[in-house]
Amino acid sequence: MLKIKVDGMTCDGCARSVSRAINTAYPRAKVAVDRPSGWVTIEGEVELVKVGEAVTTAGFAVSETVTSWVEGQAQLPRS
């Protein structure tokens, strides 16, 4: 699972655009958008870089990511 924070989603149309962009790149992914918080959860095998490119192409920016969950706690990617 991948969770990303998307900047600039100010309306439901923006949320649909982000969801559509991700589903275009990954048609089998399950995408859940929480527009008020800006968090988008993607279930399925996806690559962060490709998801980021899709979101950027749709006109938005990814500001934070969480790439895995362990026992209900987010694990941030290590550099």
PDB file of N, CA and C in Angstrom:
ATOM      1  N   MET A   1       0.852  -1.167   0.000  1.00  0.00           N
ATOM      2  CA  MET A   1       0.000   0.000   0.000  1.00  0.00           C
ATOM      3  C   MET A   1       0.900   1.233   0.000  1.00  0.00           C
ATOM      4  N   LEU A   2       0.433   2.245  -0.682  1.00  0.00           N
ATOM      5  CA  LEU A   2       1.133   3.521  -0.754  1.00  0.00           C
ATOM      6  C   LEU A   2       0.159   4.612  -0.351  1.00  0.00           C
ATOM      7  N   LYS A   3       0.621   5.521   0.463  1.00  0.00           N
ATOM      8  CA  LYS A   3      -0.203   6.657   0.871  1.00  0.00           C
ATOM      9  C   LYS A   3       0.589   7.913   0.556  1.00  0.00           C
ATOM     10  N   ILE A   4      -0.052   8.842  -0.173  1.00  0.00           N
ATOM     11  CA  ILE A   4       0.622  10.073  -0.567  1.00  0.00           C
ATOM     12  C   ILE A   4      -0.210  11.277  -0.166  1.00  0.00           C
ATOM     13  N   LYS A   5       0.473  12.356   0.144  1.00  0.00           N
ATOM     14  CA  LYS A   5      -0.200  13.631   0.426  1.00  0.00           C
ATOM     15  C   LYS A   5      -0.095  14.458  -0.846  1.00  0.00           C
ATOM     16  N   VAL A   6      -1.255  14.854  -1.366  1.00  0.00           N
ATOM     17  CA  VAL A   6      -1.304  15.608  -2.619  1.00  0.00           C
ATOM     18  C   VAL A   6      -1.715  17.041  -2.317  1.00  0.00           C
ATOM     19  N   ASP A   7      -0.889  17.974  -2.755  1.00  0.00           N
ATOM     20  CA  ASP A   7      -1.183  19.394  -2.573  1.00  0.00           C
ATOM     21  C   ASP A   7      -2.040  19.906  -3.722  1.00  0.00           C
ATOM     22  N   GLY A   8      -2.965  20.793  -3.406  1.00  0.00           N
ATOM     23  CA  GLY A   8      -3.732  21.474  -4.442  1.00  0.00           C
ATOM     24  C   GLY A   8      -5.094  20.890  -4.756  1.00  0.00           C
ATOM     25  N   MET A   9      -5.513  19.841  -4.048  1.00  0.00           N
ATOM     26  CA  MET A   9      -6.851  19.287  -4.299  1.00  0.00           C
ATOM     27  C   MET A   9      -7.864  20.132  -3.534  1.00  0.00           C
ATOM     28  N   THR A  10      -8.463  21.074  -4.217  1.00  0.00           N
ATOM     29  CA  THR A  10      -9.369  22.010  -3.560  1.00  0.00           C
ATOM     30  C   THR A  10     -10.849  21.701  -3.769  1.00  0.00           C
ATOM     31  N   CYS A  11     -11.144  20.761  -4.657  1.00  0.00           N
ATOM     32  CA  CYS A  11     -12.551  20.443  -4.923  1.00  0.00           C
ATOM     33  C   CYS A  11     -12.686  18.967  -5.293  1.00  0.00           C
ATOM     34  N   ASP A  12     -13.917  18.504  -5.393  1.00  0.00           N
ATOM     35  CA  ASP A  12     -14.152  17.108  -5.753  1.00  0.00           C
ATOM     36  C   ASP A  12     -13.647  16.795  -7.155  1.00  0.00           C
ATOM     37  N   GLY A  13     -13.702  17.773  -8.054  1.00  0.00           N
ATOM     38  CA  GLY A  13     -13.180  17.573  -9.407  1.00  0.00           C
ATOM     39  C   GLY A  13     -11.679  17.320  -9.380  1.00  0.00           C
ATOM     40  N   CYS A  14     -10.977  18.022  -8.489  1.00  0.00           N
ATOM     41  CA  CYS A  14      -9.530  17.800  -8.337  1.00  0.00           C
ATOM     42  C   CYS A  14      -9.269  16.380  -7.841  1.00  0.00           C
ATOM     43  N   ALA A  15     -10.047  15.959  -6.864  1.00  0.00           N
ATOM     44  CA  ALA A  15      -9.884  14.606  -6.317  1.00  0.00           C
ATOM     45  C   ALA A  15     -10.129  13.557  -7.396  1.00  0.00           C
ATOM     46  N   ARG A  16     -11.141  13.781  -8.226  1.00  0.00           N
ATOM     47  CA  ARG A  16     -11.412  12.842  -9.326  1.00  0.00           C
ATOM     48  C   ARG A  16     -10.273  12.829 -10.330  1.00  0.00           C
ATOM     49  N   SER A  17      -9.689  13.999 -10.596  1.00  0.00           N
ATOM     50  CA  SER A  17      -8.563  14.078 -11.539  1.00  0.00           C
ATOM     51  C   SER A  17      -7.367  13.287 -11.029  1.00  0.00           C
ATOM     52  N   VAL A  18      -7.076  13.405  -9.742  1.00  0.00           N
ATOM     53  CA  VAL A  18      -5.962  12.661  -9.148  1.00  0.00           C
ATOM     54  C   VAL A  18      -6.245  11.163  -9.209  1.00  0.00           C
ATOM     55  N   SER A  19      -7.437  10.777  -8.816  1.00  0.00           N
ATOM     56  CA  SER A  19      -7.810   9.363  -8.844  1.00  0.00           C
ATOM     57  C   SER A  19      -7.736   8.800 -10.263  1.00  0.00           C
ATOM     58  N   ARG A  20      -8.257   9.541 -11.212  1.00  0.00           N
ATOM     59  CA  ARG A  20      -8.246   9.113 -12.617  1.00  0.00           C
ATOM     60  C   ARG A  20      -6.818   8.970 -13.136  1.00  0.00           C
ATOM     61  N   ALA A  21      -5.952   9.907 -12.779  1.00  0.00           N
ATOM     62  CA  ALA A  21      -4.557   9.861 -13.231  1.00  0.00           C
ATOM     63  C   ALA A  21      -3.854   8.611 -12.709  1.00  0.00           C
ATOM     64  N   ILE A  22      -4.077   8.292 -11.438  1.00  0.00           N
ATOM     65  CA  ILE A  22      -3.455   7.105 -10.857  1.00  0.00           C
ATOM     66  C   ILE A  22      -4.029   5.846 -11.485  1.00  0.00           C
ATOM     67  N   ASN A  23      -5.351   5.805 -11.671  1.00  0.00           N
ATOM     68  CA  ASN A  23      -5.976   4.621 -12.279  1.00  0.00           C
ATOM     69  C   ASN A  23      -5.607   4.454 -13.745  1.00  0.00           C
ATOM     70  N   THR A  24      -5.251   5.527 -14.417  1.00  0.00           N
ATOM     71  CA  THR A  24      -4.770   5.412 -15.794  1.00  0.00           C
ATOM     72  C   THR A  24      -3.413   4.709 -15.811  1.00  0.00           C
ATOM     73  N   ALA A  25      -2.565   5.053 -14.857  1.00  0.00           N
ATOM     74  CA  ALA A  25      -1.247   4.419 -14.758  1.00  0.00           C
ATOM     75  C   ALA A  25      -1.347   3.001 -14.213  1.00  0.00           C
ATOM     76  N   TYR A  26      -2.270   2.778 -13.295  1.00  0.00           N
ATOM     77  CA  TYR A  26      -2.459   1.473 -12.646  1.00  0.00           C
ATOM     78  C   TYR A  26      -3.948   1.128 -12.607  1.00  0.00           C
ATOM     79  N   PRO A  27      -4.479   0.570 -13.698  1.00  0.00           N
ATOM     80  CA  PRO A  27      -5.916   0.305 -13.778  1.00  0.00           C
ATOM     81  C   PRO A  27      -6.462  -0.623 -12.688  1.00  0.00           C
ATOM     82  N   ARG A  28      -5.644  -1.495 -12.149  1.00  0.00           N
ATOM     83  CA  ARG A  28      -6.120  -2.436 -11.120  1.00  0.00           C
ATOM     84  C   ARG A  28      -5.973  -1.916  -9.699  1.00  0.00           C
ATOM     85  N   ALA A  29      -5.372  -0.759  -9.544  1.00  0.00           N
ATOM     86  CA  ALA A  29      -5.165  -0.194  -8.207  1.00  0.00           C
ATOM     87  C   ALA A  29      -6.488   0.313  -7.640  1.00  0.00           C
ATOM     88  N   LYS A  30      -6.618   0.182  -6.328  1.00  0.00           N
ATOM     89  CA  LYS A  30      -7.774   0.740  -5.627  1.00  0.00           C
ATOM     90  C   LYS A  30      -7.323   2.068  -5.026  1.00  0.00           C
ATOM     91  N   VAL A  31      -7.952   3.153  -5.452  1.00  0.00           N
ATOM     92  CA  VAL A  31      -7.552   4.492  -5.042  1.00  0.00           C
ATOM     93  C   VAL A  31      -8.645   5.102  -4.163  1.00  0.00           C
ATOM     94  N   ALA A  32      -8.245   5.572  -2.987  1.00  0.00           N
ATOM     95  CA  ALA A  32      -9.178   6.248  -2.084  1.00  0.00           C
ATOM     96  C   ALA A  32      -8.616   7.639  -1.791  1.00  0.00           C
ATOM     97  N   VAL A  33      -9.406   8.659  -2.086  1.00  0.00           N
ATOM     98  CA  VAL A  33      -8.976  10.039  -1.902  1.00  0.00           C
ATOM     99  C   VAL A  33      -9.739  10.666  -0.737  1.00  0.00           C
ATOM    100  N   ASP A  34      -9.004  11.232   0.209  1.00  0.00           N
ATOM    101  CA  ASP A  34      -9.592  12.018   1.290  1.00  0.00           C
ATOM    102  C   ASP A  34      -9.254  13.476   0.983  1.00  0.00           C
ATOM    103  N   ARG A  35     -10.114  14.116   0.202  1.00  0.00           N
ATOM    104  CA  ARG A  35      -9.831  15.462  -0.285  1.00  0.00           C
ATOM    105  C   ARG A  35      -9.566  16.469   0.832  1.00  0.00           C
ATOM    106  N   PRO A  36     -10.376  16.518   1.904  1.00  0.00           N
ATOM    107  CA  PRO A  36     -10.107  17.531   2.933  1.00  0.00           C
ATOM    108  C   PRO A  36      -8.693  17.449   3.531  1.00  0.00           C
ATOM    109  N   SER A  37      -8.187  16.231   3.721  1.00  0.00           N
ATOM    110  CA  SER A  37      -6.847  16.081   4.307  1.00  0.00           C
ATOM    111  C   SER A  37      -5.753  16.087   3.245  1.00  0.00           C
ATOM    112  N   GLY A  38      -6.121  15.783   2.003  1.00  0.00           N
ATOM    113  CA  GLY A  38      -5.141  15.711   0.924  1.00  0.00           C
ATOM    114  C   GLY A  38      -4.470  14.358   0.785  1.00  0.00           C
ATOM    115  N   TRP A  39      -4.831  13.393   1.621  1.00  0.00           N
ATOM    116  CA  TRP A  39      -4.195  12.070   1.560  1.00  0.00           C
ATOM    117  C   TRP A  39      -4.899  11.170   0.557  1.00  0.00           C
ATOM    118  N   VAL A  40      -4.085  10.447  -0.201  1.00  0.00           N
ATOM    119  CA  VAL A  40      -4.577   9.489  -1.189  1.00  0.00           C
ATOM    120  C   VAL A  40      -3.948   8.138  -0.856  1.00  0.00           C
ATOM    121  N   THR A  41      -4.784   7.118  -0.705  1.00  0.00           N
ATOM    122  CA  THR A  41      -4.305   5.772  -0.414  1.00  0.00           C
ATOM    123  C   THR A  41      -4.467   4.919  -1.662  1.00  0.00           C
ATOM    124  N   ILE A  42      -3.395   4.230  -2.031  1.00  0.00           N
ATOM    125  CA  ILE A  42      -3.410   3.384  -3.221  1.00  0.00           C
ATOM    126  C   ILE A  42      -3.085   1.965  -2.800  1.00  0.00           C
ATOM    127  N   GLU A  43      -4.014   1.054  -3.059  1.00  0.00           N
ATOM    128  CA  GLU A  43      -3.798  -0.357  -2.754  1.00  0.00           C
ATOM    129  C   GLU A  43      -3.502  -1.089  -4.047  1.00  0.00           C
ATOM    130  N   GLY A  44      -2.510  -1.952  -3.993  1.00  0.00           N
ATOM    131  CA  GLY A  44      -2.092  -2.685  -5.175  1.00  0.00           C
ATOM    132  C   GLY A  44      -0.600  -2.477  -5.369  1.00  0.00           C
ATOM    133  N   GLU A  45      -0.044  -3.179  -6.317  1.00  0.00           N
ATOM    134  CA  GLU A  45       1.390  -3.061  -6.572  1.00  0.00           C
ATOM    135  C   GLU A  45       1.633  -1.860  -7.477  1.00  0.00           C
ATOM    136  N   VAL A  46       2.174  -0.818  -6.874  1.00  0.00           N
ATOM    137  CA  VAL A  46       2.444   0.421  -7.605  1.00  0.00           C
ATOM    138  C   VAL A  46       3.855   0.906  -7.271  1.00  0.00           C
ATOM    139  N   GLU A  47       4.387   1.747  -8.138  1.00  0.00           N
ATOM    140  CA  GLU A  47       5.697   2.343  -7.918  1.00  0.00           C
ATOM    141  C   GLU A  47       5.509   3.821  -7.592  1.00  0.00           C
ATOM    142  N   LEU A  48       6.164   4.271  -6.536  1.00  0.00           N
ATOM    143  CA  LEU A  48       6.038   5.652  -6.098  1.00  0.00           C
ATOM    144  C   LEU A  48       6.375   6.646  -7.209  1.00  0.00           C
ATOM    145  N   VAL A  49       7.443   6.381  -7.942  1.00  0.00           N
ATOM    146  CA  VAL A  49       7.865   7.306  -8.998  1.00  0.00           C
ATOM    147  C   VAL A  49       6.779   7.437 -10.062  1.00  0.00           C
ATOM    148  N   LYS A  50       6.223   6.328 -10.488  1.00  0.00           N
ATOM    149  CA  LYS A  50       5.199   6.358 -11.538  1.00  0.00           C
ATOM    150  C   LYS A  50       3.913   7.029 -11.042  1.00  0.00           C
ATOM    151  N   VAL A  51       3.550   6.773  -9.770  1.00  0.00           N
ATOM    152  CA  VAL A  51       2.380   7.440  -9.191  1.00  0.00           C
ATOM    153  C   VAL A  51       2.636   8.949  -9.116  1.00  0.00           C
ATOM    154  N   GLY A  52       3.825   9.327  -8.663  1.00  0.00           N
ATOM    155  CA  GLY A  52       4.174  10.746  -8.589  1.00  0.00           C
ATOM    156  C   GLY A  52       4.119  11.427  -9.938  1.00  0.00           C
ATOM    157  N   GLU A  53       4.608  10.740 -10.969  1.00  0.00           N
ATOM    158  CA  GLU A  53       4.552  11.295 -12.326  1.00  0.00           C
ATOM    159  C   GLU A  53       3.117  11.483 -12.778  1.00  0.00           C
ATOM    160  N   ALA A  54       2.253  10.512 -12.481  1.00  0.00           N
ATOM    161  CA  ALA A  54       0.843  10.610 -12.873  1.00  0.00           C
ATOM    162  C   ALA A  54       0.172  11.797 -12.183  1.00  0.00           C
ATOM    163  N   VAL A  55       0.437  11.954 -10.895  1.00  0.00           N
ATOM    164  CA  VAL A  55      -0.161  13.055 -10.133  1.00  0.00           C
ATOM    165  C   VAL A  55       0.358  14.399 -10.643  1.00  0.00           C
ATOM    166  N   THR A  56       1.652  14.480 -10.917  1.00  0.00           N
ATOM    167  CA  THR A  56       2.247  15.714 -11.431  1.00  0.00           C
ATOM    168  C   THR A  56       1.694  16.065 -12.807  1.00  0.00           C
ATOM    169  N   THR A  57       1.559  15.066 -13.661  1.00  0.00           N
ATOM    170  CA  THR A  57       0.997  15.289 -14.997  1.00  0.00           C
ATOM    171  C   THR A  57      -0.440  15.809 -14.908  1.00  0.00           C
ATOM    172  N   ALA A  58      -1.163  15.388 -13.861  1.00  0.00           N
ATOM    173  CA  ALA A  58      -2.536  15.860 -13.664  1.00  0.00           C
ATOM    174  C   ALA A  58      -2.580  17.284 -13.102  1.00  0.00           C
ATOM    175  N   GLY A  59      -1.411  17.837 -12.753  1.00  0.00           N
ATOM    176  CA  GLY A  59      -1.361  19.221 -12.296  1.00  0.00           C
ATOM    177  C   GLY A  59      -1.266  19.408 -10.794  1.00  0.00           C
ATOM    178  N   PHE A  60      -0.875  18.364 -10.081  1.00  0.00           N
ATOM    179  CA  PHE A  60      -0.796  18.432  -8.627  1.00  0.00           C
ATOM    180  C   PHE A  60       0.597  18.034  -8.177  1.00  0.00           C
ATOM    181  N   ALA A  61       0.880  18.192  -6.889  1.00  0.00           N
ATOM    182  CA  ALA A  61       2.196  17.854  -6.356  1.00  0.00           C
ATOM    183  C   ALA A  61       2.063  16.900  -5.178  1.00  0.00           C
ATOM    184  N   VAL A  62       2.982  15.945  -5.095  1.00  0.00           N
ATOM    185  CA  VAL A  62       3.047  15.036  -3.959  1.00  0.00           C
ATOM    186  C   VAL A  62       4.011  15.644  -2.949  1.00  0.00           C
ATOM    187  N   SER A  63       3.532  15.871  -1.710  1.00  0.00           N
ATOM    188  CA  SER A  63       4.387  16.504  -0.700  1.00  0.00           C
ATOM    189  C   SER A  63       4.885  15.543   0.368  1.00  0.00           C
ATOM    190  N   GLU A  64       4.199  14.422   0.572  1.00  0.00           N
ATOM    191  CA  GLU A  64       4.607  13.435   1.571  1.00  0.00           C
ATOM    192  C   GLU A  64       4.221  12.053   1.077  1.00  0.00           C
ATOM    193  N   THR A  65       4.944  11.039   1.565  1.00  0.00           N
ATOM    194  CA  THR A  65       4.601   9.659   1.224  1.00  0.00           C
ATOM    195  C   THR A  65       4.755   8.752   2.429  1.00  0.00           C
ATOM    196  N   VAL A  66       3.937   7.713   2.445  1.00  0.00           N
ATOM    197  CA  VAL A  66       4.073   6.614   3.390  1.00  0.00           C
ATOM    198  C   VAL A  66       3.997   5.373   2.524  1.00  0.00           C
ATOM    199  N   THR A  67       5.043   4.544   2.564  1.00  0.00           N
ATOM    200  CA  THR A  67       5.098   3.431   1.620  1.00  0.00           C
ATOM    201  C   THR A  67       4.740   2.082   2.185  1.00  0.00           C
ATOM    202  N   SER A  68       4.603   1.957   3.495  1.00  0.00           N
ATOM    203  CA  SER A  68       4.187   0.659   4.030  1.00  0.00           C
ATOM    204  C   SER A  68       3.568   0.851   5.405  1.00  0.00           C
ATOM    205  N   TRP A  69       2.861  -0.170   5.820  1.00  0.00           N
ATOM    206  CA  TRP A  69       2.223  -0.146   7.135  1.00  0.00           C
ATOM    207  C   TRP A  69       2.665  -1.375   7.900  1.00  0.00           C
ATOM    208  N   VAL A  70       3.056  -1.184   9.150  1.00  0.00           N
ATOM    209  CA  VAL A  70       3.437  -2.301  10.001  1.00  0.00           C
ATOM    210  C   VAL A  70       2.635  -2.192  11.281  1.00  0.00           C
ATOM    211  N   GLU A  71       1.800  -3.194  11.560  1.00  0.00           N
ATOM    212  CA  GLU A  71       0.978  -3.226  12.754  1.00  0.00           C
ATOM    213  C   GLU A  71       0.242  -1.913  12.999  1.00  0.00           C
ATOM    214  N   GLY A  72      -0.297  -1.371  11.917  1.00  0.00           N
ATOM    215  CA  GLY A  72      -1.098  -0.169  12.026  1.00  0.00           C
ATOM    216  C   GLY A  72      -0.316   1.127  12.126  1.00  0.00           C
ATOM    217  N   GLN A  73       1.019   1.048  12.074  1.00  0.00           N
ATOM    218  CA  GLN A  73       1.808   2.267  12.157  1.00  0.00           C
ATOM    219  C   GLN A  73       2.516   2.507  10.826  1.00  0.00           C
ATOM    220  N   ALA A  74       2.507   3.731  10.403  1.00  0.00           N
ATOM    221  CA  ALA A  74       3.153   4.084   9.140  1.00  0.00           C
ATOM    222  C   ALA A  74       4.659   3.994   9.269  1.00  0.00           C
ATOM    223  N   GLN A  75       5.299   3.488   8.251  1.00  0.00           N
ATOM    224  CA  GLN A  75       6.750   3.435   8.194  1.00  0.00           C
ATOM    225  C   GLN A  75       7.197   4.317   7.038  1.00  0.00           C
ATOM    226  N   LEU A  76       7.913   5.368   7.341  1.00  0.00           N
ATOM    227  CA  LEU A  76       8.372   6.273   6.303  1.00  0.00           C
ATOM    228  C   LEU A  76       9.560   5.661   5.586  1.00  0.00           C
ATOM    229  N   PRO A  77       9.679   5.907   4.290  1.00  0.00           N
ATOM    230  CA  PRO A  77      10.807   5.336   3.545  1.00  0.00           C
ATOM    231  C   PRO A  77      12.128   5.863   4.075  1.00  0.00           C
ATOM    232  N   ARG A  78      13.121   5.005   4.100  1.00  0.00           N
ATOM    233  CA  ARG A  78      14.456   5.404   4.561  1.00  0.00           C
ATOM    234  C   ARG A  78      15.275   5.881   3.383  1.00  0.00           C
ATOM    235  N   SER A  79      16.112   6.878   3.627  1.00  0.00           N
ATOM    236  CA  SER A  79      16.963   7.421   2.566  1.00  0.00           C
ATOM    237  C   SER A  79      18.225   6.614   2.425  1.00  0.00           C
TER     238      SER A  79
END
